[in-house]
Amino acid sequence: MLRCPILKWRWLPAAAEYVAAGSHHNDSDISIGPNKVFVNTLCSVSIVFLLASTITFAADDNVKNKKVLMLSQSPDGHPPMTHEYAAGLRIMEKCLASISGVEVKHVNADSPWPEGPELIRDADCVVMFLSEGARWTHEDPRRIEAFAQLAARGGGFITLHWGMGTKEARYIDGYLKLFGGCHGGPDRKYKVLDADVTIGTKDHPITRGIENFTIHEEFYYQLKLVSAGNQLKPILQTEIDGEIQTVAWAWQRGDGGRSFGFSGGHFHENWSRVEYRRLMTQAVLWSLELPVPEAGVSVDVKPEDLQGPTTGC
């Protein structure tokens, strides 16, 4: 009977211990002479395979999940089932839950939010669905500094509806540097309508699996958009007041990071639409530079997941 020295090995982390445990054999370990070369070759191949597997396992253990920080707030005075910040982001959480390599943290970001800057710095992507977000980013100097630090290391930024807003124009420029678009200033425009929405850039990863659709929505339009040439792509467009308006965009920033915004999201019931869930989920993946399937991400949720607000995030 042939006895391969590999059978003597213990499962140890160091390659030297593998070799040491298998090196104390002599010719008597192998009883059939003509097969000695074959057995030694087999054992050598096994050594290489096991060492390669050990290196692979170690590398996999060192791969860190991408951290997504979702920021919502308490009700802002809008009627029920509109501006449902926490409830909307909970649906996004459900859509991202089955995607490997993504770790989601959803928190209430009502000011003063002292722990916020540290959470922002620790994230790989920040999703903002909250009240007057362009102003909110500037409320605390430490907060805007943390956003700038995340941008400098190529972090992702996602903004939804009033999360891109500011009543005062003085916050617009700082916000544009991060997110690429803003609904701000005294000239800001919005309209509730039944909109025919078209795909602005059909070959973009964010639009995979999404076709043109009709939706009852309040869209912000005539948005302030950063001047970025072909690095800023229209993702969704619709006609408002006789003109084609960009209501969702994707921006490949010069610092290496990626930003996305969608001016819809006013009515909570629209999360029941697969187009909305897929749009927002794929925007997160794109911002993290993670792959998006050609047919689009599966974003199935249960009916109870689509319900309105409940307490907390």
Protein backbone atom coordinates (compact mmCIF):
# COMPACT_ATOMS: atom_id res chain seq x y z
CA MET A 1 0.00 0.00 0.00
CA LEU A 2 1.36 3.44 -0.91
CA ARG A 3 1.65 6.02 1.86
CA CYS A 4 1.99 9.66 0.81
CA PRO A 5 3.75 11.92 3.34
CA ILE A 6 0.98 14.49 2.83
CA LEU A 7 -1.29 12.26 4.87
CA LYS A 8 0.96 12.96 7.86
CA TRP A 9 0.53 16.72 7.65
CA ARG A 10 -1.42 18.76 10.11
CA TRP A 11 -3.50 21.80 8.93
CA LEU A 12 -1.14 24.56 10.02
CA PRO A 13 -0.98 28.16 8.78
CA ALA A 14 2.73 28.33 8.01
CA ALA A 15 4.16 26.75 4.87
CA ALA A 16 7.32 25.75 6.74
CA GLU A 17 5.32 23.52 9.05
CA TYR A 18 3.73 21.80 6.06
CA VAL A 19 7.15 20.96 4.67
CA ALA A 20 8.61 19.94 8.04
CA ALA A 21 5.75 17.62 8.80
CA GLY A 22 6.06 15.90 5.45
CA SER A 23 9.83 15.75 5.04
CA HIS A 24 10.76 12.96 7.48
CA HIS A 25 10.22 9.99 5.21
CA ASN A 26 12.50 7.56 3.46
CA ASP A 27 12.18 5.01 0.72
CA SER A 28 10.59 2.50 3.10
CA ASP A 29 7.53 4.74 3.24
CA ILE A 30 6.73 3.62 -0.28
CA SER A 31 6.47 -0.08 -0.82
CA ILE A 32 6.21 -0.21 -4.62
CA GLY A 33 9.37 1.07 -6.28
CA PRO A 34 8.09 1.81 -9.82
CA ASN A 35 5.38 4.06 -8.40
CA LYS A 36 7.75 6.14 -6.26
CA VAL A 37 8.13 8.88 -8.85
CA PHE A 38 4.38 9.06 -9.35
CA VAL A 39 3.69 9.30 -5.61
CA ASN A 40 6.35 11.96 -5.06
CA THR A 41 4.99 13.94 -7.99
CA LEU A 42 1.44 13.63 -6.66
CA CYS A 43 2.55 14.80 -3.24
CA SER A 44 4.48 17.74 -4.74
CA VAL A 45 1.44 18.82 -6.72
CA SER A 46 -0.64 18.58 -3.56
CA ILE A 47 1.87 20.77 -1.74
CA VAL A 48 1.58 23.46 -4.41
CA PHE A 49 -2.21 23.24 -4.40
CA LEU A 50 -2.48 23.48 -0.63
CA LEU A 51 -0.06 26.39 -0.42
CA ALA A 52 -1.91 28.24 -3.18
CA SER A 53 -5.21 27.58 -1.43
CA THR A 54 -3.80 28.86 1.84
CA ILE A 55 -2.64 32.08 0.18
CA THR A 56 -6.03 32.50 -1.49
CA PHE A 57 -7.92 31.97 1.76
CA ALA A 58 -5.68 34.48 3.51
CA ALA A 59 -6.27 37.02 0.74
CA ASP A 60 -10.04 36.49 0.91
CA ASP A 61 -9.95 37.03 4.67
CA ASN A 62 -8.25 40.37 4.11
CA VAL A 63 -10.85 41.63 1.61
CA LYS A 64 -12.96 44.24 3.38
CA ASN A 65 -16.61 44.94 2.72
CA LYS A 66 -17.51 48.26 1.14
CA LYS A 67 -19.18 50.40 3.78
CA VAL A 68 -22.35 52.28 2.83
CA LEU A 69 -23.54 54.95 5.27
CA MET A 70 -27.22 55.82 4.82
CA LEU A 71 -28.37 59.10 6.33
CA SER A 72 -32.03 59.83 6.99
CA GLN A 73 -33.87 62.19 9.33
CA SER A 74 -37.06 62.58 11.34
CA PRO A 75 -40.20 63.91 9.56
CA ASP A 76 -39.74 67.44 8.23
CA GLY A 77 -43.35 68.62 8.22
CA HIS A 78 -44.38 67.28 4.81
CA PRO A 79 -47.64 65.29 4.61
CA PRO A 80 -47.53 61.58 5.49
CA MET A 81 -46.17 59.28 2.76
CA THR A 82 -44.04 62.10 1.33
CA HIS A 83 -40.41 62.80 2.28
CA GLU A 84 -40.37 59.50 4.15
CA TYR A 85 -36.62 59.53 4.61
CA ALA A 86 -36.09 56.60 6.97
CA ALA A 87 -38.75 54.37 5.39
CA GLY A 88 -37.32 54.95 1.91
CA LEU A 89 -33.78 54.09 2.93
CA ARG A 90 -34.98 50.97 4.72
CA ILE A 91 -36.18 49.72 1.34
CA MET A 92 -32.76 50.43 -0.13
CA GLU A 93 -31.25 48.45 2.74
CA LYS A 94 -33.41 45.47 1.78
CA CYS A 95 -32.28 45.71 -1.84
CA LEU A 96 -28.60 45.81 -0.86
CA ALA A 97 -28.84 43.10 1.79
CA SER A 98 -28.28 40.20 -0.62
CA ILE A 99 -25.28 41.76 -2.36
CA SER A 100 -21.99 40.33 -1.14
CA GLY A 101 -19.20 42.71 -0.26
CA VAL A 102 -21.53 45.53 0.83
CA GLU A 103 -22.05 46.51 4.47
CA VAL A 104 -24.85 49.01 5.20
CA LYS A 105 -25.20 51.26 8.23
CA HIS A 106 -28.38 53.37 8.41
CA VAL A 107 -28.51 56.17 10.98
CA ASN A 108 -30.65 59.16 11.87
CA ALA A 109 -28.67 62.30 11.07
CA ASP A 110 -30.73 64.94 12.85
CA SER A 111 -28.47 67.79 13.94
CA PRO A 112 -26.31 68.29 15.91
CA TRP A 113 -25.20 64.68 15.14
CA PRO A 114 -21.79 64.92 16.86
CA GLU A 115 -20.73 61.39 15.91
CA GLY A 116 -21.37 62.10 12.23
CA PRO A 117 -17.94 63.21 10.98
CA GLU A 118 -16.30 60.02 12.19
CA LEU A 119 -18.98 57.87 10.52
CA ILE A 120 -18.56 59.76 7.24
CA ARG A 121 -14.79 59.34 7.28
CA ASP A 122 -15.17 55.61 7.91
CA ALA A 123 -17.56 55.07 4.98
CA ASP A 124 -16.88 54.23 1.33
CA CYS A 125 -20.19 55.68 0.14
CA VAL A 126 -22.70 58.07 1.73
CA VAL A 127 -26.39 58.02 0.75
CA MET A 128 -28.32 61.16 1.74
CA PHE A 129 -32.12 61.25 1.89
CA LEU A 130 -32.87 64.04 4.31
CA SER A 131 -34.10 67.61 4.62
CA GLU A 132 -32.34 70.43 2.76
CA GLY A 133 -29.19 68.37 2.41
CA ALA A 134 -27.01 70.98 0.75
CA ARG A 135 -27.48 73.27 3.74
CA TRP A 136 -27.18 70.36 6.19
CA THR A 137 -23.73 69.36 4.90
CA HIS A 138 -22.44 72.83 5.86
CA GLU A 139 -24.09 73.14 9.30
CA ASP A 140 -21.05 71.76 11.11
CA PRO A 141 -17.53 72.61 9.87
CA ARG A 142 -16.37 69.16 10.96
CA ARG A 143 -19.12 67.61 8.85
CA ILE A 144 -18.18 69.32 5.59
CA GLU A 145 -14.53 68.57 6.31
CA ALA A 146 -15.34 64.86 6.70
CA PHE A 147 -17.18 64.91 3.36
CA ALA A 148 -14.15 66.54 1.73
CA GLN A 149 -11.86 63.88 3.22
CA LEU A 150 -14.09 61.10 1.88
CA ALA A 151 -14.10 62.75 -1.55
CA ALA A 152 -10.29 63.01 -1.52
CA ARG A 153 -9.95 59.25 -1.16
CA GLY A 154 -12.44 58.55 -3.94
CA GLY A 155 -15.57 57.91 -1.89
CA GLY A 156 -19.05 57.66 -3.39
CA PHE A 157 -21.89 60.14 -2.88
CA ILE A 158 -25.59 59.45 -3.50
CA THR A 159 -28.28 62.10 -3.00
CA LEU A 160 -32.04 61.79 -3.29
CA HIS A 161 -34.75 64.47 -3.59
CA TRP A 162 -34.59 67.12 -0.82
CA GLY A 163 -31.21 65.70 0.14
CA MET A 164 -29.84 67.83 -2.73
CA GLY A 165 -31.70 70.95 -1.64
CA THR A 166 -31.02 74.31 -0.07
CA LYS A 167 -33.17 77.39 0.16
CA GLU A 168 -30.12 79.62 0.51
CA ALA A 169 -27.87 79.94 -2.52
CA ARG A 170 -24.67 80.23 -0.48
CA TYR A 171 -24.51 76.47 0.04
CA ILE A 172 -24.76 75.54 -3.65
CA ASP A 173 -21.12 75.72 -4.73
CA GLY A 174 -19.76 73.66 -1.84
CA TYR A 175 -22.38 71.00 -2.41
CA LEU A 176 -21.74 70.84 -6.16
CA LYS A 177 -18.08 69.99 -5.51
CA LEU A 178 -19.21 66.81 -3.76
CA PHE A 179 -22.43 65.67 -5.41
CA GLY A 180 -22.37 67.32 -8.83
CA GLY A 181 -25.95 68.64 -8.72
CA CYS A 182 -28.09 70.80 -6.47
CA HIS A 183 -31.69 72.00 -6.14
CA GLY A 184 -30.87 75.31 -4.54
CA GLY A 185 -31.40 79.03 -4.27
CA PRO A 186 -34.48 81.23 -4.61
CA ASP A 187 -34.84 80.27 -8.30
CA ARG A 188 -35.14 76.53 -7.65
CA LYS A 189 -38.01 74.82 -9.46
CA TYR A 190 -40.16 71.77 -8.78
CA LYS A 191 -43.36 70.33 -10.22
CA VAL A 192 -45.77 67.48 -9.54
CA LEU A 193 -46.74 65.75 -12.77
CA ASP A 194 -47.33 62.48 -14.57
CA ALA A 195 -43.96 62.23 -16.24
CA ASP A 196 -42.75 60.13 -19.13
CA VAL A 197 -39.22 59.31 -17.98
CA THR A 198 -36.58 58.27 -20.51
CA ILE A 199 -33.13 56.78 -20.09
CA GLY A 200 -30.54 59.48 -20.67
CA THR A 201 -27.48 57.25 -21.06
CA LYS A 202 -28.49 53.75 -22.14
CA ASP A 203 -25.08 52.13 -21.84
CA HIS A 204 -24.45 53.28 -18.26
CA PRO A 205 -24.24 50.58 -15.54
CA ILE A 206 -26.82 52.43 -13.43
CA THR A 207 -29.49 52.09 -16.15
CA ARG A 208 -29.09 48.36 -16.74
CA GLY A 209 -32.41 46.54 -16.61
CA ILE A 210 -34.37 49.83 -16.60
CA GLU A 211 -36.65 50.84 -19.46
CA ASN A 212 -38.51 54.11 -20.08
CA PHE A 213 -41.41 54.48 -17.65
CA THR A 214 -44.26 56.77 -16.61
CA ILE A 215 -44.54 57.95 -13.01
CA HIS A 216 -46.53 60.39 -10.88
CA GLU A 217 -43.80 62.35 -9.15
CA GLU A 218 -42.61 65.68 -7.85
CA PHE A 219 -39.41 66.36 -9.75
CA TYR A 220 -36.94 69.11 -9.09
CA TYR A 221 -35.75 70.53 -12.39
CA GLN A 222 -33.48 73.15 -13.91
CA LEU A 223 -30.97 71.78 -11.45
CA LYS A 224 -27.61 73.40 -10.88
CA LEU A 225 -25.13 70.90 -12.32
CA VAL A 226 -21.36 70.98 -12.14
CA SER A 227 -19.49 71.79 -15.34
CA ALA A 228 -17.78 68.48 -15.99
CA GLY A 229 -18.09 67.89 -19.73
CA ASN A 230 -18.66 64.26 -20.64
CA GLN A 231 -17.74 63.13 -17.13
CA LEU A 232 -21.29 64.03 -16.03
CA LYS A 233 -23.89 61.77 -17.64
CA PRO A 234 -27.67 62.30 -17.74
CA ILE A 235 -29.21 59.13 -16.32
CA LEU A 236 -32.94 59.96 -16.37
CA GLN A 237 -34.68 62.75 -18.27
CA THR A 238 -38.24 64.00 -18.69
CA GLU A 239 -40.05 66.87 -20.34
CA ILE A 240 -41.17 69.64 -17.98
CA ASP A 241 -42.58 72.96 -19.16
CA GLY A 242 -41.78 72.07 -22.76
CA GLU A 243 -38.08 71.34 -22.17
CA ILE A 244 -36.12 68.13 -21.60
CA GLN A 245 -34.83 68.16 -18.04
CA THR A 246 -32.21 65.95 -16.42
CA VAL A 247 -33.65 64.57 -13.18
CA ALA A 248 -30.90 62.02 -12.43
CA TRP A 249 -27.19 62.25 -13.16
CA ALA A 250 -23.95 60.33 -12.63
CA TRP A 251 -20.62 62.12 -12.25
CA GLN A 252 -17.15 60.60 -12.48
CA ARG A 253 -15.31 63.12 -10.34
CA GLY A 254 -11.79 64.34 -10.99
CA ASP A 255 -10.65 63.00 -7.60
CA GLY A 256 -11.48 59.46 -8.74
CA GLY A 257 -14.75 59.21 -6.85
CA ARG A 258 -18.29 58.90 -8.18
CA SER A 259 -21.45 60.87 -7.41
CA PHE A 260 -25.10 60.27 -8.29
CA GLY A 261 -28.29 62.24 -7.74
CA PHE A 262 -31.99 61.70 -8.38
CA SER A 263 -34.43 64.56 -7.89
CA GLY A 264 -37.45 62.27 -7.58
CA GLY A 265 -38.41 60.41 -4.43
CA HIS A 266 -41.13 62.73 -3.11
CA PHE A 267 -43.88 60.09 -2.89
CA HIS A 268 -43.10 57.02 -0.79
CA GLU A 269 -45.40 54.81 -2.87
CA ASN A 270 -43.01 55.09 -5.82
CA TRP A 271 -40.59 52.74 -4.05
CA SER A 272 -43.01 50.00 -5.14
CA ARG A 273 -41.69 50.53 -8.65
CA VAL A 274 -38.84 48.23 -9.61
CA GLU A 275 -37.33 51.08 -11.66
CA TYR A 276 -36.82 53.17 -8.52
CA ARG A 277 -35.37 50.37 -6.43
CA ARG A 278 -33.06 49.23 -9.22
CA LEU A 279 -31.96 52.78 -10.03
CA MET A 280 -30.94 53.58 -6.47
CA THR A 281 -29.38 50.19 -5.75
CA GLN A 282 -27.29 50.23 -8.92
CA ALA A 283 -26.24 53.81 -8.25
CA VAL A 284 -24.73 52.63 -4.96
CA LEU A 285 -22.91 49.75 -6.64
CA TRP A 286 -21.59 52.02 -9.38
CA SER A 287 -20.35 54.55 -6.82
CA LEU A 288 -18.46 51.75 -5.08
CA GLU A 289 -17.03 50.52 -8.40
CA LEU A 290 -18.76 47.16 -7.92
CA PRO A 291 -20.12 45.21 -10.90
CA VAL A 292 -23.72 45.63 -12.05
CA PRO A 293 -25.26 42.67 -13.93
CA GLU A 294 -26.16 43.32 -17.57
CA ALA A 295 -29.81 42.51 -16.86
CA GLY A 296 -29.85 44.64 -13.73
CA VAL A 297 -29.73 43.80 -10.03
CA SER A 298 -32.53 41.77 -8.49
CA VAL A 299 -34.40 44.12 -6.16
CA ASP A 300 -37.35 42.00 -5.09
CA VAL A 301 -38.87 42.95 -1.74
CA LYS A 302 -41.84 41.77 0.29
CA PRO A 303 -45.08 43.82 0.33
CA GLU A 304 -44.55 44.60 4.00
CA ASP A 305 -41.16 46.10 3.17
CA LEU A 306 -42.92 48.80 1.14
CA GLN A 307 -45.09 50.03 3.97
CA GLY A 308 -44.86 53.56 5.28
CA PRO A 309 -42.93 54.89 8.23
CA THR A 310 -42.20 53.05 11.46
CA THR A 311 -40.23 54.22 14.44
CA GLY A 312 -36.48 54.62 13.98
CA CYS A 313 -34.11 53.76 11.13
